[in-house]
């Protein structure tokens, strides 16, 4: 299989593992990656905003730039864990 054929399966697997159920949650994950990418490129530091503070709506320019993200592979798991924990904590708060 080519990478173009595998990619949708990889994305689907990640979404299932993170329990991403809608486009808004997927946009929150992408925003987290985008913020890390811009922070990395500008040498600002770590992402300190919670997902609830992130804007779920994305501009056309952000959509175009998603193909040019440059994130250290060692940071990907850290970001995925951060997303998952924030999502889990947010769900707990909503249940209270």
PDB file of N, CA and C in Angstrom:
ATOM      1  N   UNK A   1       0.833  -1.182   0.000  1.00  0.00           N
ATOM      2  CA  UNK A   1       0.000   0.000   0.000  1.00  0.00           C
ATOM      3  C   UNK A   1       0.882   1.252   0.000  1.00  0.00           C
ATOM      4  N   UNK A   2       0.455   2.244  -0.732  1.00  0.00           N
ATOM      5  CA  UNK A   2       1.184   3.512  -0.747  1.00  0.00           C
ATOM      6  C   UNK A   2       0.837   4.306   0.513  1.00  0.00           C
ATOM      7  N   UNK A   3       1.628   5.319   0.799  1.00  0.00           N
ATOM      8  CA  UNK A   3       1.365   6.158   1.975  1.00  0.00           C
ATOM      9  C   UNK A   3       0.019   6.863   1.850  1.00  0.00           C
ATOM     10  N   UNK A   4      -0.374   7.223   0.636  1.00  0.00           N
ATOM     11  CA  UNK A   4      -1.675   7.867   0.430  1.00  0.00           C
ATOM     12  C   UNK A   4      -2.824   6.928   0.768  1.00  0.00           C
ATOM     13  N   UNK A   5      -2.616   5.652   0.589  1.00  0.00           N
ATOM     14  CA  UNK A   5      -3.638   4.668   0.937  1.00  0.00           C
ATOM     15  C   UNK A   5      -3.621   4.353   2.435  1.00  0.00           C
ATOM     16  N   UNK A   6      -2.449   4.428   3.051  1.00  0.00           N
ATOM     17  CA  UNK A   6      -2.319   4.125   4.479  1.00  0.00           C
ATOM     18  C   UNK A   6      -2.746   5.281   5.373  1.00  0.00           C
ATOM     19  N   UNK A   7      -2.534   6.495   4.919  1.00  0.00           N
ATOM     20  CA  UNK A   7      -2.766   7.668   5.752  1.00  0.00           C
ATOM     21  C   UNK A   7      -4.171   7.729   6.354  1.00  0.00           C
ATOM     22  N   UNK A   8      -5.246   7.526   5.578  1.00  0.00           N
ATOM     23  CA  UNK A   8      -6.582   7.565   6.196  1.00  0.00           C
ATOM     24  C   UNK A   8      -6.751   6.533   7.312  1.00  0.00           C
ATOM     25  N   UNK A   9      -6.117   5.378   7.167  1.00  0.00           N
ATOM     26  CA  UNK A   9      -6.198   4.352   8.211  1.00  0.00           C
ATOM     27  C   UNK A   9      -5.451   4.798   9.467  1.00  0.00           C
ATOM     28  N   UNK A  10      -4.298   5.422   9.276  1.00  0.00           N
ATOM     29  CA  UNK A  10      -3.537   5.930  10.416  1.00  0.00           C
ATOM     30  C   UNK A  10      -4.336   6.993  11.153  1.00  0.00           C
ATOM     31  N   UNK A  11      -4.914   7.904  10.404  1.00  0.00           N
ATOM     32  CA  UNK A  11      -5.707   8.979  11.005  1.00  0.00           C
ATOM     33  C   UNK A  11      -6.898   8.405  11.764  1.00  0.00           C
ATOM     34  N   UNK A  12      -7.568   7.458  11.158  1.00  0.00           N
ATOM     35  CA  UNK A  12      -8.719   6.817  11.799  1.00  0.00           C
ATOM     36  C   UNK A  12      -8.301   6.123  13.093  1.00  0.00           C
ATOM     37  N   UNK A  13      -7.173   5.447  13.072  1.00  0.00           N
ATOM     38  CA  UNK A  13      -6.680   4.754  14.267  1.00  0.00           C
ATOM     39  C   UNK A  13      -6.371   5.732  15.395  1.00  0.00           C
ATOM     40  N   UNK A  14      -5.735   6.840  15.057  1.00  0.00           N
ATOM     41  CA  UNK A  14      -5.411   7.857  16.063  1.00  0.00           C
ATOM     42  C   UNK A  14      -6.689   8.455  16.642  1.00  0.00           C
ATOM     43  N   UNK A  15      -7.649   8.768  15.788  1.00  0.00           N
ATOM     44  CA  UNK A  15      -8.921   9.336  16.256  1.00  0.00           C
ATOM     45  C   UNK A  15      -9.653   8.362  17.179  1.00  0.00           C
ATOM     46  N   UNK A  16      -9.650   7.099  16.837  1.00  0.00           N
ATOM     47  CA  UNK A  16     -10.298   6.108  17.698  1.00  0.00           C
ATOM     48  C   UNK A  16      -9.573   5.978  19.028  1.00  0.00           C
ATOM     49  N   UNK A  17      -8.253   5.954  19.002  1.00  0.00           N
ATOM     50  CA  UNK A  17      -7.474   5.810  20.229  1.00  0.00           C
ATOM     51  C   UNK A  17      -7.673   7.000  21.164  1.00  0.00           C
ATOM     52  N   UNK A  18      -7.822   8.192  20.612  1.00  0.00           N
ATOM     53  CA  UNK A  18      -8.005   9.402  21.408  1.00  0.00           C
ATOM     54  C   UNK A  18      -9.476   9.713  21.675  1.00  0.00           C
ATOM     55  N   UNK A  19     -10.356   8.870  21.161  1.00  0.00           N
ATOM     56  CA  UNK A  19     -11.798   9.034  21.324  1.00  0.00           C
ATOM     57  C   UNK A  19     -12.281  10.369  20.759  1.00  0.00           C
ATOM     58  N   UNK A  20     -11.764  10.728  19.595  1.00  0.00           N
ATOM     59  CA  UNK A  20     -12.179  11.945  18.900  1.00  0.00           C
ATOM     60  C   UNK A  20     -13.461  11.621  18.149  1.00  0.00           C
ATOM     61  N   UNK A  21     -14.522  12.348  18.508  1.00  0.00           N
ATOM     62  CA  UNK A  21     -15.838  12.006  17.975  1.00  0.00           C
ATOM     63  C   UNK A  21     -16.390  13.004  16.963  1.00  0.00           C
ATOM     64  N   UNK A  22     -15.766  14.188  16.864  1.00  0.00           N
ATOM     65  CA  UNK A  22     -16.317  15.184  15.945  1.00  0.00           C
ATOM     66  C   UNK A  22     -15.207  16.086  15.414  1.00  0.00           C
ATOM     67  N   UNK A  23     -15.576  16.919  14.469  1.00  0.00           N
ATOM     68  CA  UNK A  23     -14.604  17.813  13.833  1.00  0.00           C
ATOM     69  C   UNK A  23     -14.034  18.835  14.820  1.00  0.00           C
ATOM     70  N   UNK A  24     -14.836  19.268  15.772  1.00  0.00           N
ATOM     71  CA  UNK A  24     -14.359  20.246  16.744  1.00  0.00           C
ATOM     72  C   UNK A  24     -13.202  19.661  17.556  1.00  0.00           C
ATOM     73  N   UNK A  25     -13.327  18.432  18.001  1.00  0.00           N
ATOM     74  CA  UNK A  25     -12.249  17.796  18.761  1.00  0.00           C
ATOM     75  C   UNK A  25     -11.013  17.590  17.892  1.00  0.00           C
ATOM     76  N   UNK A  26     -11.220  17.229  16.643  1.00  0.00           N
ATOM     77  CA  UNK A  26     -10.093  17.067  15.725  1.00  0.00           C
ATOM     78  C   UNK A  26      -9.397  18.408  15.497  1.00  0.00           C
ATOM     79  N   UNK A  27     -10.175  19.474  15.363  1.00  0.00           N
ATOM     80  CA  UNK A  27      -9.600  20.810  15.202  1.00  0.00           C
ATOM     81  C   UNK A  27      -8.817  21.232  16.445  1.00  0.00           C
ATOM     82  N   UNK A  28      -9.289  20.841  17.627  1.00  0.00           N
ATOM     83  CA  UNK A  28      -8.559  21.150  18.855  1.00  0.00           C
ATOM     84  C   UNK A  28      -7.203  20.454  18.861  1.00  0.00           C
ATOM     85  N   UNK A  29      -7.175  19.212  18.419  1.00  0.00           N
ATOM     86  CA  UNK A  29      -5.905  18.488  18.334  1.00  0.00           C
ATOM     87  C   UNK A  29      -4.975  19.156  17.333  1.00  0.00           C
ATOM     88  N   UNK A  30      -5.500  19.504  16.186  1.00  0.00           N
ATOM     89  CA  UNK A  30      -4.672  20.156  15.167  1.00  0.00           C
ATOM     90  C   UNK A  30      -4.174  21.519  15.652  1.00  0.00           C
ATOM     91  N   UNK A  31      -5.016  22.241  16.393  1.00  0.00           N
ATOM     92  CA  UNK A  31      -4.606  23.526  16.929  1.00  0.00           C
ATOM     93  C   UNK A  31      -3.459  23.359  17.920  1.00  0.00           C
ATOM     94  N   UNK A  32      -3.528  22.303  18.715  1.00  0.00           N
ATOM     95  CA  UNK A  32      -2.441  22.011  19.649  1.00  0.00           C
ATOM     96  C   UNK A  32      -1.135  21.783  18.889  1.00  0.00           C
ATOM     97  N   UNK A  33      -1.191  21.012  17.821  1.00  0.00           N
ATOM     98  CA  UNK A  33       0.002  20.780  17.007  1.00  0.00           C
ATOM     99  C   UNK A  33       0.486  22.069  16.351  1.00  0.00           C
ATOM    100  N   UNK A  34      -0.439  22.865  15.850  1.00  0.00           N
ATOM    101  CA  UNK A  34      -0.072  24.131  15.207  1.00  0.00           C
ATOM    102  C   UNK A  34       0.586  25.081  16.202  1.00  0.00           C
ATOM    103  N   UNK A  35       0.026  25.143  17.414  1.00  0.00           N
ATOM    104  CA  UNK A  35       0.605  26.016  18.426  1.00  0.00           C
ATOM    105  C   UNK A  35       1.998  25.540  18.805  1.00  0.00           C
ATOM    106  N   UNK A  36       2.167  24.249  18.912  1.00  0.00           N
ATOM    107  CA  UNK A  36       3.496  23.724  19.229  1.00  0.00           C
ATOM    108  C   UNK A  36       4.451  24.025  18.087  1.00  0.00           C
ATOM    109  N   UNK A  37       3.992  23.880  16.875  1.00  0.00           N
ATOM    110  CA  UNK A  37       4.827  24.161  15.713  1.00  0.00           C
ATOM    111  C   UNK A  37       5.260  25.625  15.706  1.00  0.00           C
ATOM    112  N   UNK A  38       4.343  26.532  15.917  1.00  0.00           N
ATOM    113  CA  UNK A  38       4.710  27.952  15.908  1.00  0.00           C
ATOM    114  C   UNK A  38       5.597  28.276  17.098  1.00  0.00           C
ATOM    115  N   UNK A  39       5.327  27.676  18.251  1.00  0.00           N
ATOM    116  CA  UNK A  39       6.177  27.911  19.415  1.00  0.00           C
ATOM    117  C   UNK A  39       7.575  27.353  19.174  1.00  0.00           C
ATOM    118  N   UNK A  40       7.649  26.208  18.537  1.00  0.00           N
ATOM    119  CA  UNK A  40       8.950  25.608  18.236  1.00  0.00           C
ATOM    120  C   UNK A  40       9.735  26.489  17.278  1.00  0.00           C
ATOM    121  N   UNK A  41       9.079  26.942  16.230  1.00  0.00           N
ATOM    122  CA  UNK A  41       9.751  27.756  15.228  1.00  0.00           C
ATOM    123  C   UNK A  41      10.169  29.117  15.768  1.00  0.00           C
ATOM    124  N   UNK A  42       9.377  29.668  16.686  1.00  0.00           N
ATOM    125  CA  UNK A  42       9.678  30.981  17.234  1.00  0.00           C
ATOM    126  C   UNK A  42      10.462  30.888  18.534  1.00  0.00           C
ATOM    127  N   UNK A  43      10.732  29.648  18.998  1.00  0.00           N
ATOM    128  CA  UNK A  43      11.484  29.409  20.227  1.00  0.00           C
ATOM    129  C   UNK A  43      10.837  30.106  21.416  1.00  0.00           C
ATOM    130  N   UNK A  44       9.503  30.033  21.504  1.00  0.00           N
ATOM    131  CA  UNK A  44       8.772  30.680  22.588  1.00  0.00           C
ATOM    132  C   UNK A  44       8.724  29.781  23.820  1.00  0.00           C
ATOM    133  N   UNK A  45       8.590  28.492  23.618  1.00  0.00           N
ATOM    134  CA  UNK A  45       8.502  27.573  24.752  1.00  0.00           C
ATOM    135  C   UNK A  45       7.352  26.617  24.597  1.00  0.00           C
ATOM    136  N   UNK A  46       6.920  26.022  25.689  1.00  0.00           N
ATOM    137  CA  UNK A  46       5.868  25.010  25.679  1.00  0.00           C
ATOM    138  C   UNK A  46       4.489  25.618  25.504  1.00  0.00           C
ATOM    139  N   UNK A  47       3.552  24.795  25.063  1.00  0.00           N
ATOM    140  CA  UNK A  47       2.161  25.215  24.956  1.00  0.00           C
ATOM    141  C   UNK A  47       1.561  25.176  26.351  1.00  0.00           C
ATOM    142  N   UNK A  48       1.014  26.309  26.802  1.00  0.00           N
ATOM    143  CA  UNK A  48       0.486  26.388  28.152  1.00  0.00           C
ATOM    144  C   UNK A  48      -1.024  26.579  28.191  1.00  0.00           C
ATOM    145  N   UNK A  49      -1.657  26.709  27.035  1.00  0.00           N
ATOM    146  CA  UNK A  49      -3.093  26.935  27.012  1.00  0.00           C
ATOM    147  C   UNK A  49      -3.840  25.612  27.081  1.00  0.00           C
ATOM    148  N   UNK A  50      -4.971  25.591  27.757  1.00  0.00           N
ATOM    149  CA  UNK A  50      -5.795  24.396  27.777  1.00  0.00           C
ATOM    150  C   UNK A  50      -6.646  24.358  26.514  1.00  0.00           C
ATOM    151  N   UNK A  51      -7.178  23.177  26.209  1.00  0.00           N
ATOM    152  CA  UNK A  51      -7.994  23.026  25.004  1.00  0.00           C
ATOM    153  C   UNK A  51      -9.223  23.923  25.055  1.00  0.00           C
ATOM    154  N   UNK A  52      -9.762  24.164  26.223  1.00  0.00           N
ATOM    155  CA  UNK A  52     -10.967  25.001  26.314  1.00  0.00           C
ATOM    156  C   UNK A  52     -10.684  26.433  25.894  1.00  0.00           C
ATOM    157  N   UNK A  53      -9.434  26.857  25.964  1.00  0.00           N
ATOM    158  CA  UNK A  53      -9.071  28.203  25.552  1.00  0.00           C
ATOM    159  C   UNK A  53      -8.765  28.295  24.071  1.00  0.00           C
ATOM    160  N   UNK A  54      -8.594  27.158  23.427  1.00  0.00           N
ATOM    161  CA  UNK A  54      -8.237  27.166  22.011  1.00  0.00           C
ATOM    162  C   UNK A  54      -9.450  27.460  21.149  1.00  0.00           C
ATOM    163  N   UNK A  55      -9.235  28.161  20.073  1.00  0.00           N
ATOM    164  CA  UNK A  55     -10.310  28.483  19.146  1.00  0.00           C
ATOM    165  C   UNK A  55     -10.518  27.298  18.229  1.00  0.00           C
ATOM    166  N   UNK A  56     -11.707  26.718  18.250  1.00  0.00           N
ATOM    167  CA  UNK A  56     -11.986  25.544  17.434  1.00  0.00           C
ATOM    168  C   UNK A  56     -12.125  25.900  15.959  1.00  0.00           C
ATOM    169  N   UNK A  57     -12.448  27.150  15.657  1.00  0.00           N
ATOM    170  CA  UNK A  57     -12.554  27.551  14.263  1.00  0.00           C
ATOM    171  C   UNK A  57     -11.166  27.846  13.724  1.00  0.00           C
ATOM    172  N   UNK A  58     -10.923  27.434  12.500  1.00  0.00           N
ATOM    173  CA  UNK A  58      -9.601  27.614  11.917  1.00  0.00           C
ATOM    174  C   UNK A  58      -9.714  28.401  10.626  1.00  0.00           C
ATOM    175  N   UNK A  59      -8.706  29.212  10.364  1.00  0.00           N
ATOM    176  CA  UNK A  59      -8.711  30.034   9.167  1.00  0.00           C
ATOM    177  C   UNK A  59      -8.262  29.221   7.960  1.00  0.00           C
ATOM    178  N   UNK A  60      -8.484  29.772   6.802  1.00  0.00           N
ATOM    179  CA  UNK A  60      -8.045  29.105   5.570  1.00  0.00           C
ATOM    180  C   UNK A  60      -6.527  28.969   5.539  1.00  0.00           C
ATOM    181  N   UNK A  61      -5.844  29.979   6.044  1.00  0.00           N
ATOM    182  CA  UNK A  61      -4.377  29.915   6.057  1.00  0.00           C
ATOM    183  C   UNK A  61      -3.885  28.800   6.968  1.00  0.00           C
ATOM    184  N   UNK A  62      -4.552  28.604   8.109  1.00  0.00           N
ATOM    185  CA  UNK A  62      -4.174  27.514   8.999  1.00  0.00           C
ATOM    186  C   UNK A  62      -4.372  26.169   8.315  1.00  0.00           C
ATOM    187  N   UNK A  63      -5.468  26.038   7.558  1.00  0.00           N
ATOM    188  CA  UNK A  63      -5.712  24.794   6.839  1.00  0.00           C
ATOM    189  C   UNK A  63      -4.592  24.517   5.840  1.00  0.00           C
ATOM    190  N   UNK A  64      -4.150  25.560   5.152  1.00  0.00           N
ATOM    191  CA  UNK A  64      -3.075  25.401   4.177  1.00  0.00           C
ATOM    192  C   UNK A  64      -1.767  25.036   4.857  1.00  0.00           C
ATOM    193  N   UNK A  65      -1.510  25.627   6.019  1.00  0.00           N
ATOM    194  CA  UNK A  65      -0.257  25.407   6.729  1.00  0.00           C
ATOM    195  C   UNK A  65      -0.182  24.057   7.424  1.00  0.00           C
ATOM    196  N   UNK A  66      -1.290  23.365   7.556  1.00  0.00           N
ATOM    197  CA  UNK A  66      -1.274  22.077   8.245  1.00  0.00           C
ATOM    198  C   UNK A  66      -0.370  21.067   7.548  1.00  0.00           C
ATOM    199  N   UNK A  67      -0.205  21.210   6.257  1.00  0.00           N
ATOM    200  CA  UNK A  67       0.668  20.293   5.535  1.00  0.00           C
ATOM    201  C   UNK A  67       2.134  20.617   5.748  1.00  0.00           C
ATOM    202  N   UNK A  68       2.437  21.737   6.374  1.00  0.00           N
ATOM    203  CA  UNK A  68       3.827  22.129   6.556  1.00  0.00           C
ATOM    204  C   UNK A  68       4.254  22.113   8.020  1.00  0.00           C
ATOM    205  N   UNK A  69       3.525  21.400   8.872  1.00  0.00           N
ATOM    206  CA  UNK A  69       3.908  21.312  10.270  1.00  0.00           C
ATOM    207  C   UNK A  69       5.237  20.581  10.401  1.00  0.00           C
ATOM    208  N   UNK A  70       6.094  21.120  11.243  1.00  0.00           N
ATOM    209  CA  UNK A  70       7.368  20.481  11.520  1.00  0.00           C
ATOM    210  C   UNK A  70       7.475  20.286  13.023  1.00  0.00           C
ATOM    211  N   UNK A  71       7.167  19.082  13.460  1.00  0.00           N
ATOM    212  CA  UNK A  71       7.182  18.771  14.885  1.00  0.00           C
ATOM    213  C   UNK A  71       8.164  17.634  15.110  1.00  0.00           C
ATOM    214  N   UNK A  72       8.979  17.788  16.126  1.00  0.00           N
ATOM    215  CA  UNK A  72       9.931  16.758  16.493  1.00  0.00           C
ATOM    216  C   UNK A  72       9.163  15.459  16.767  1.00  0.00           C
ATOM    217  N   UNK A  73       9.511  14.373  16.104  1.00  0.00           N
ATOM    218  CA  UNK A  73       8.799  13.103  16.315  1.00  0.00           C
ATOM    219  C   UNK A  73       8.753  12.679  17.781  1.00  0.00           C
ATOM    220  N   UNK A  74       9.754  13.050  18.552  1.00  0.00           N
ATOM    221  CA  UNK A  74       9.766  12.699  19.969  1.00  0.00           C
ATOM    222  C   UNK A  74       8.710  13.464  20.754  1.00  0.00           C
ATOM    223  N   UNK A  75       8.211  14.563  20.217  1.00  0.00           N
ATOM    224  CA  UNK A  75       7.200  15.387  20.891  1.00  0.00           C
ATOM    225  C   UNK A  75       5.771  14.952  20.557  1.00  0.00           C
ATOM    226  N   UNK A  76       5.607  14.163  19.515  1.00  0.00           N
ATOM    227  CA  UNK A  76       4.259  13.791  19.075  1.00  0.00           C
ATOM    228  C   UNK A  76       3.498  13.053  20.173  1.00  0.00           C
ATOM    229  N   UNK A  77       4.121  12.048  20.786  1.00  0.00           N
ATOM    230  CA  UNK A  77       3.440  11.296  21.838  1.00  0.00           C
ATOM    231  C   UNK A  77       3.107  12.196  23.025  1.00  0.00           C
ATOM    232  N   UNK A  78       4.008  13.100  23.362  1.00  0.00           N
ATOM    233  CA  UNK A  78       3.776  14.048  24.454  1.00  0.00           C
ATOM    234  C   UNK A  78       2.544  14.909  24.163  1.00  0.00           C
ATOM    235  N   UNK A  79       2.429  15.390  22.938  1.00  0.00           N
ATOM    236  CA  UNK A  79       1.282  16.218  22.563  1.00  0.00           C
ATOM    237  C   UNK A  79      -0.011  15.417  22.536  1.00  0.00           C
ATOM    238  N   UNK A  80       0.054  14.182  22.047  1.00  0.00           N
ATOM    239  CA  UNK A  80      -1.138  13.333  22.034  1.00  0.00           C
ATOM    240  C   UNK A  80      -1.603  13.039  23.454  1.00  0.00           C
ATOM    241  N   UNK A  81      -0.661  12.792  24.355  1.00  0.00           N
ATOM    242  CA  UNK A  81      -1.011  12.555  25.758  1.00  0.00           C
ATOM    243  C   UNK A  81      -1.624  13.806  26.376  1.00  0.00           C
ATOM    244  N   UNK A  82      -1.040  14.956  26.077  1.00  0.00           N
ATOM    245  CA  UNK A  82      -1.571  16.222  26.595  1.00  0.00           C
ATOM    246  C   UNK A  82      -3.011  16.424  26.130  1.00  0.00           C
ATOM    247  N   UNK A  83      -3.256  16.185  24.848  1.00  0.00           N
ATOM    248  CA  UNK A  83      -4.603  16.316  24.299  1.00  0.00           C
ATOM    249  C   UNK A  83      -5.566  15.370  25.013  1.00  0.00           C
ATOM    250  N   UNK A  84      -5.167  14.117  25.161  1.00  0.00           N
ATOM    251  CA  UNK A  84      -6.027  13.108  25.782  1.00  0.00           C
ATOM    252  C   UNK A  84      -6.354  13.476  27.231  1.00  0.00           C
ATOM    253  N   UNK A  85      -5.349  13.890  27.994  1.00  0.00           N
ATOM    254  CA  UNK A  85      -5.580  14.243  29.394  1.00  0.00           C
ATOM    255  C   UNK A  85      -6.472  15.473  29.531  1.00  0.00           C
ATOM    256  N   UNK A  86      -6.258  16.467  28.687  1.00  0.00           N
ATOM    257  CA  UNK A  86      -7.112  17.659  28.714  1.00  0.00           C
ATOM    258  C   UNK A  86      -8.556  17.287  28.374  1.00  0.00           C
ATOM    259  N   UNK A  87      -8.720  16.445  27.383  1.00  0.00           N
ATOM    260  CA  UNK A  87     -10.061  16.015  26.970  1.00  0.00           C
ATOM    261  C   UNK A  87     -10.737  15.231  28.098  1.00  0.00           C
ATOM    262  N   UNK A  88      -9.979  14.359  28.742  1.00  0.00           N
ATOM    263  CA  UNK A  88     -10.506  13.559  29.852  1.00  0.00           C
ATOM    264  C   UNK A  88     -10.897  14.449  31.020  1.00  0.00           C
ATOM    265  N   UNK A  89     -10.045  15.415  31.364  1.00  0.00           N
ATOM    266  CA  UNK A  89     -10.348  16.337  32.460  1.00  0.00           C
ATOM    267  C   UNK A  89     -11.565  17.199  32.153  1.00  0.00           C
ATOM    268  N   UNK A  90     -11.675  17.639  30.920  1.00  0.00           N
ATOM    269  CA  UNK A  90     -12.821  18.447  30.513  1.00  0.00           C
ATOM    270  C   UNK A  90     -14.124  17.633  30.636  1.00  0.00           C
ATOM    271  N   UNK A  91     -14.072  16.362  30.251  1.00  0.00           N
ATOM    272  CA  UNK A  91     -15.246  15.496  30.351  1.00  0.00           C
ATOM    273  C   UNK A  91     -15.655  15.289  31.822  1.00  0.00           C
ATOM    274  N   UNK A  92     -14.666  15.149  32.701  1.00  0.00           N
ATOM    275  CA  UNK A  92     -14.956  14.990  34.130  1.00  0.00           C
ATOM    276  C   UNK A  92     -15.620  16.232  34.691  1.00  0.00           C
ATOM    277  N   UNK A  93     -15.139  17.408  34.286  1.00  0.00           N
ATOM    278  CA  UNK A  93     -15.715  18.661  34.771  1.00  0.00           C
ATOM    279  C   UNK A  93     -17.152  18.828  34.303  1.00  0.00           C
ATOM    280  N   UNK A  94     -17.449  18.377  33.093  1.00  0.00           N
ATOM    281  CA  UNK A  94     -18.801  18.494  32.560  1.00  0.00           C
ATOM    282  C   UNK A  94     -19.772  17.555  33.270  1.00  0.00           C
ATOM    283  N   UNK A  95     -19.262  16.464  33.815  1.00  0.00           N
ATOM    284  CA  UNK A  95     -20.104  15.492  34.506  1.00  0.00           C
ATOM    285  C   UNK A  95     -20.480  15.952  35.908  1.00  0.00           C
ATOM    286  N   UNK A  96     -19.729  16.902  36.446  1.00  0.00           N
ATOM    287  CA  UNK A  96     -19.987  17.372  37.826  1.00  0.00           C
ATOM    288  C   UNK A  96     -21.181  18.257  37.891  1.00  0.00           C
TER     289      UNK A  96
END
